[in-house]
Amino acid sequence: MEPRFNLFDSPTAAKVAKRFYTTSLALEGSTLPKALRELLELRVAQINGCGFCVDVHTKEAAAAGESALRLHLVAAWRHSTVFTEAERAALALAEEGTRLGDHGVSDETWAAVREYYDDDQVGALVCLVSLINAATRMGVIVHTPGGAYEPGMFAAASS
């Protein structure tokens, strides 16, 4: 696959991308663990087929201490034993929030999220799922390839 377009070659898209990254930094201040945030972003990237985002969030999750086993099983989380009930609730929210056209977020999933996460964490989860969906869509539209990302690259590029 050849990239169609480099968003950073467009002054407007580059500004949006930098602001997008800066906006996502607010999630760093939440009490959601970084490894969980990366797992959720990885799952959304897998669903949306964004190779670049799968690359980014696999490597960032590993850098945050996530195990190879859990990284390999995130695509099949419903059929594995390595995720907690709280993580399962968050993964279900990420999936249903990504596949809104299918049926939206079910009451069952919402109740599970509310059982395990406080108000600030729920807000962070909703924002995280929304932001990563936007990011994956940008990557898929312009065919941004995966494979070359190194953990921490975004922080260096945003300054």
C-alpha atoms as a PDB file:
ATOM      1  CA  MET A   1       0.000   0.000   0.000  1.00  0.00           C
ATOM      2  CA  GLU A   2       1.313   3.389  -0.969  1.00  0.00           C
ATOM      3  CA  PRO A   3       0.388   6.452   1.087  1.00  0.00           C
ATOM      4  CA  ARG A   4      -2.056   8.703  -0.736  1.00  0.00           C
ATOM      5  CA  PHE A   5      -1.165  11.868   1.088  1.00  0.00           C
ATOM      6  CA  ASN A   6       0.947  13.096   3.984  1.00  0.00           C
ATOM      7  CA  LEU A   7      -1.312  15.156   6.211  1.00  0.00           C
ATOM      8  CA  PHE A   8       1.732  17.029   7.523  1.00  0.00           C
ATOM      9  CA  ASP A   9       2.328  18.413   4.018  1.00  0.00           C
ATOM     10  CA  SER A  10      -0.896  20.407   4.343  1.00  0.00           C
ATOM     11  CA  PRO A  11      -0.505  23.458   6.610  1.00  0.00           C
ATOM     12  CA  THR A  12      -4.139  23.199   7.716  1.00  0.00           C
ATOM     13  CA  ALA A  13      -4.065  19.436   8.332  1.00  0.00           C
ATOM     14  CA  ALA A  14      -0.730  19.766  10.163  1.00  0.00           C
ATOM     15  CA  LYS A  15      -2.255  22.386  12.487  1.00  0.00           C
ATOM     16  CA  VAL A  16      -5.252  20.145  13.140  1.00  0.00           C
ATOM     17  CA  ALA A  17      -2.998  17.132  13.781  1.00  0.00           C
ATOM     18  CA  LYS A  18      -0.906  19.050  16.312  1.00  0.00           C
ATOM     19  CA  ARG A  19      -4.014  20.339  18.081  1.00  0.00           C
ATOM     20  CA  PHE A  20      -5.481  16.841  17.966  1.00  0.00           C
ATOM     21  CA  TYR A  21      -2.390  15.492  19.702  1.00  0.00           C
ATOM     22  CA  THR A  22      -2.469  18.313  22.265  1.00  0.00           C
ATOM     23  CA  THR A  23      -6.139  17.568  22.958  1.00  0.00           C
ATOM     24  CA  SER A  24      -5.339  13.908  23.512  1.00  0.00           C
ATOM     25  CA  LEU A  25      -2.765  14.902  26.160  1.00  0.00           C
ATOM     26  CA  ALA A  26      -5.659  15.789  28.472  1.00  0.00           C
ATOM     27  CA  LEU A  27      -6.269  12.046  28.758  1.00  0.00           C
ATOM     28  CA  GLU A  28      -2.818  11.683  30.333  1.00  0.00           C
ATOM     29  CA  GLY A  29      -4.236  13.476  33.366  1.00  0.00           C
ATOM     30  CA  SER A  30      -7.044  10.980  33.839  1.00  0.00           C
ATOM     31  CA  THR A  31      -6.820   8.081  36.258  1.00  0.00           C
ATOM     32  CA  LEU A  32      -7.238   5.579  33.418  1.00  0.00           C
ATOM     33  CA  PRO A  33      -3.980   3.621  33.214  1.00  0.00           C
ATOM     34  CA  LYS A  34      -1.911   4.319  30.108  1.00  0.00           C
ATOM     35  CA  ALA A  35      -1.757   0.607  29.255  1.00  0.00           C
ATOM     36  CA  LEU A  36      -5.575   0.421  29.261  1.00  0.00           C
ATOM     37  CA  ARG A  37      -5.858   3.529  27.100  1.00  0.00           C
ATOM     38  CA  GLU A  38      -3.412   2.012  24.612  1.00  0.00           C
ATOM     39  CA  LEU A  39      -5.286  -1.321  24.541  1.00  0.00           C
ATOM     40  CA  LEU A  40      -8.536   0.487  23.765  1.00  0.00           C
ATOM     41  CA  GLU A  41      -6.902   2.572  21.053  1.00  0.00           C
ATOM     42  CA  LEU A  42      -5.338  -0.578  19.628  1.00  0.00           C
ATOM     43  CA  ARG A  43      -8.713  -2.317  19.499  1.00  0.00           C
ATOM     44  CA  VAL A  44     -10.340   0.625  17.701  1.00  0.00           C
ATOM     45  CA  ALA A  45      -7.417   0.761  15.259  1.00  0.00           C
ATOM     46  CA  GLN A  46      -7.853  -2.958  14.545  1.00  0.00           C
ATOM     47  CA  ILE A  47     -11.577  -2.571  13.902  1.00  0.00           C
ATOM     48  CA  ASN A  48     -11.049   0.410  11.589  1.00  0.00           C
ATOM     49  CA  GLY A  49      -8.115  -1.216   9.780  1.00  0.00           C
ATOM     50  CA  CYS A  50      -5.553   1.528  10.396  1.00  0.00           C
ATOM     51  CA  GLY A  51      -2.106  -0.048  10.111  1.00  0.00           C
ATOM     52  CA  PHE A  52      -0.375   3.079  11.360  1.00  0.00           C
ATOM     53  CA  CYS A  53      -2.565   3.293  14.467  1.00  0.00           C
ATOM     54  CA  VAL A  54      -2.172  -0.436  15.178  1.00  0.00           C
ATOM     55  CA  ASP A  55       1.591   0.093  14.967  1.00  0.00           C
ATOM     56  CA  VAL A  56       1.501   3.141  17.266  1.00  0.00           C
ATOM     57  CA  HIS A  57      -0.730   1.681  19.951  1.00  0.00           C
ATOM     58  CA  THR A  58       0.888  -1.754  19.995  1.00  0.00           C
ATOM     59  CA  LYS A  59       4.285  -0.168  20.576  1.00  0.00           C
ATOM     60  CA  GLU A  60       3.021   2.421  23.055  1.00  0.00           C
ATOM     61  CA  ALA A  61       1.162  -0.287  25.021  1.00  0.00           C
ATOM     62  CA  ALA A  62       4.319  -2.398  25.161  1.00  0.00           C
ATOM     63  CA  ALA A  63       6.299   0.653  26.298  1.00  0.00           C
ATOM     64  CA  ALA A  64       3.660   1.196  29.012  1.00  0.00           C
ATOM     65  CA  GLY A  65       4.329  -2.335  30.281  1.00  0.00           C
ATOM     66  CA  GLU A  66       1.601  -4.276  28.506  1.00  0.00           C
ATOM     67  CA  SER A  67       2.455  -7.946  27.958  1.00  0.00           C
ATOM     68  CA  ALA A  68       2.863  -9.510  24.536  1.00  0.00           C
ATOM     69  CA  LEU A  69       0.162 -12.049  25.421  1.00  0.00           C
ATOM     70  CA  ARG A  70      -2.451  -9.376  26.095  1.00  0.00           C
ATOM     71  CA  LEU A  71      -1.429  -7.412  23.012  1.00  0.00           C
ATOM     72  CA  HIS A  72      -1.901 -10.523  20.891  1.00  0.00           C
ATOM     73  CA  LEU A  73      -5.259 -11.315  22.464  1.00  0.00           C
ATOM     74  CA  VAL A  74      -6.847  -7.859  22.391  1.00  0.00           C
ATOM     75  CA  ALA A  75      -8.443  -8.632  19.004  1.00  0.00           C
ATOM     76  CA  ALA A  76     -10.101 -11.673  20.599  1.00  0.00           C
ATOM     77  CA  TRP A  77     -10.657 -10.281  24.076  1.00  0.00           C
ATOM     78  CA  ARG A  78     -14.118 -11.803  24.390  1.00  0.00           C
ATOM     79  CA  HIS A  79     -12.573 -15.251  23.963  1.00  0.00           C
ATOM     80  CA  SER A  80      -9.614 -14.923  26.314  1.00  0.00           C
ATOM     81  CA  THR A  81      -8.980 -15.033  30.031  1.00  0.00           C
ATOM     82  CA  VAL A  82      -6.370 -12.299  30.382  1.00  0.00           C
ATOM     83  CA  PHE A  83      -8.616  -9.239  30.743  1.00  0.00           C
ATOM     84  CA  THR A  84     -10.390  -8.097  33.902  1.00  0.00           C
ATOM     85  CA  GLU A  85     -14.119  -7.420  34.001  1.00  0.00           C
ATOM     86  CA  ALA A  86     -13.387  -3.680  34.112  1.00  0.00           C
ATOM     87  CA  GLU A  87     -11.150  -3.968  31.034  1.00  0.00           C
ATOM     88  CA  ARG A  88     -13.836  -6.014  29.274  1.00  0.00           C
ATOM     89  CA  ALA A  89     -16.382  -3.274  29.955  1.00  0.00           C
ATOM     90  CA  ALA A  90     -14.013  -0.668  28.494  1.00  0.00           C
ATOM     91  CA  LEU A  91     -13.213  -2.839  25.467  1.00  0.00           C
ATOM     92  CA  ALA A  92     -16.924  -3.374  24.828  1.00  0.00           C
ATOM     93  CA  LEU A  93     -17.465   0.395  24.997  1.00  0.00           C
ATOM     94  CA  ALA A  94     -14.600   0.947  22.555  1.00  0.00           C
ATOM     95  CA  GLU A  95     -16.019  -1.614  20.116  1.00  0.00           C
ATOM     96  CA  GLU A  96     -19.614  -0.444  20.327  1.00  0.00           C
ATOM     97  CA  GLY A  97     -18.536   3.197  20.212  1.00  0.00           C
ATOM     98  CA  THR A  98     -16.620   2.416  17.033  1.00  0.00           C
ATOM     99  CA  ARG A  99     -19.420   0.452  15.404  1.00  0.00           C
ATOM    100  CA  LEU A 100     -22.151   2.997  16.151  1.00  0.00           C
ATOM    101  CA  GLY A 101     -24.035   2.188  12.962  1.00  0.00           C
ATOM    102  CA  ASP A 102     -24.620  -1.394  14.084  1.00  0.00           C
ATOM    103  CA  HIS A 103     -26.620  -0.573  17.227  1.00  0.00           C
ATOM    104  CA  GLY A 104     -24.792   2.095  19.179  1.00  0.00           C
ATOM    105  CA  VAL A 105     -23.626   1.511  22.731  1.00  0.00           C
ATOM    106  CA  SER A 106     -25.907  -0.982  24.455  1.00  0.00           C
ATOM    107  CA  ASP A 107     -27.463  -0.356  27.840  1.00  0.00           C
ATOM    108  CA  GLU A 108     -25.677  -3.489  29.088  1.00  0.00           C
ATOM    109  CA  THR A 109     -22.263  -2.153  28.075  1.00  0.00           C
ATOM    110  CA  TRP A 110     -23.032   1.275  29.505  1.00  0.00           C
ATOM    111  CA  ALA A 111     -24.100  -0.290  32.826  1.00  0.00           C
ATOM    112  CA  ALA A 112     -20.877  -2.319  32.973  1.00  0.00           C
ATOM    113  CA  VAL A 113     -18.770   0.781  32.299  1.00  0.00           C
ATOM    114  CA  ARG A 114     -20.634   2.687  35.026  1.00  0.00           C
ATOM    115  CA  GLU A 115     -20.050  -0.200  37.440  1.00  0.00           C
ATOM    116  CA  TYR A 116     -16.267  -0.079  37.084  1.00  0.00           C
ATOM    117  CA  TYR A 117     -15.419   3.537  36.277  1.00  0.00           C
ATOM    118  CA  ASP A 118     -16.123   6.832  38.034  1.00  0.00           C
ATOM    119  CA  ASP A 119     -17.539   9.898  36.279  1.00  0.00           C
ATOM    120  CA  ASP A 120     -14.160  11.312  35.288  1.00  0.00           C
ATOM    121  CA  GLN A 121     -13.017   7.956  33.933  1.00  0.00           C
ATOM    122  CA  VAL A 122     -16.248   7.520  31.961  1.00  0.00           C
ATOM    123  CA  GLY A 123     -15.744  10.951  30.438  1.00  0.00           C
ATOM    124  CA  ALA A 124     -12.155  10.024  29.583  1.00  0.00           C
ATOM    125  CA  LEU A 125     -13.293   6.736  28.002  1.00  0.00           C
ATOM    126  CA  VAL A 126     -15.873   8.494  25.824  1.00  0.00           C
ATOM    127  CA  CYS A 127     -13.327  11.100  24.708  1.00  0.00           C
ATOM    128  CA  LEU A 128     -10.648   8.466  24.078  1.00  0.00           C
ATOM    129  CA  VAL A 129     -12.940   6.334  21.905  1.00  0.00           C
ATOM    130  CA  SER A 130     -14.072   9.396  19.973  1.00  0.00           C
ATOM    131  CA  LEU A 131     -10.551  10.736  19.414  1.00  0.00           C
ATOM    132  CA  ILE A 132      -9.036   7.428  18.298  1.00  0.00           C
ATOM    133  CA  ASN A 133     -11.919   6.869  15.897  1.00  0.00           C
ATOM    134  CA  ALA A 134     -11.180  10.221  14.272  1.00  0.00           C
ATOM    135  CA  ALA A 135      -7.452   9.443  14.131  1.00  0.00           C
ATOM    136  CA  THR A 136      -7.921   6.003  12.600  1.00  0.00           C
ATOM    137  CA  ARG A 137     -10.256   7.373   9.979  1.00  0.00           C
ATOM    138  CA  MET A 138      -7.675   9.966   8.941  1.00  0.00           C
ATOM    139  CA  GLY A 139      -5.022   7.264   8.644  1.00  0.00           C
ATOM    140  CA  VAL A 140      -7.236   4.938   6.627  1.00  0.00           C
ATOM    141  CA  ILE A 141      -8.428   7.697   4.269  1.00  0.00           C
ATOM    142  CA  VAL A 142      -4.882   8.701   3.320  1.00  0.00           C
ATOM    143  CA  HIS A 143      -3.365   5.178   3.592  1.00  0.00           C
ATOM    144  CA  THR A 144      -0.833   5.998   6.304  1.00  0.00           C
ATOM    145  CA  PRO A 145       1.262   2.811   6.573  1.00  0.00           C
ATOM    146  CA  GLY A 146       2.310   1.152   9.797  1.00  0.00           C
ATOM    147  CA  GLY A 147       5.709  -0.183  10.685  1.00  0.00           C
ATOM    148  CA  ALA A 148       7.999   2.791  11.250  1.00  0.00           C
ATOM    149  CA  TYR A 149       6.616   4.229  14.483  1.00  0.00           C
ATOM    150  CA  GLU A 150       8.878   4.464  17.528  1.00  0.00           C
ATOM    151  CA  PRO A 151       7.407   5.089  20.997  1.00  0.00           C
ATOM    152  CA  GLY A 152       7.400   8.784  21.862  1.00  0.00           C
ATOM    153  CA  MET A 153       7.538  10.033  18.255  1.00  0.00           C
ATOM    154  CA  PHE A 154       4.372  12.114  18.609  1.00  0.00           C
ATOM    155  CA  ALA A 155       5.716  14.063  21.557  1.00  0.00           C
ATOM    156  CA  ALA A 156       8.849  14.965  19.595  1.00  0.00           C
ATOM    157  CA  ALA A 157       6.843  15.933  16.481  1.00  0.00           C
ATOM    158  CA  SER A 158       4.395  18.151  18.344  1.00  0.00           C
ATOM    159  CA  SER A 159       6.937  20.611  19.693  1.00  0.00           C
END
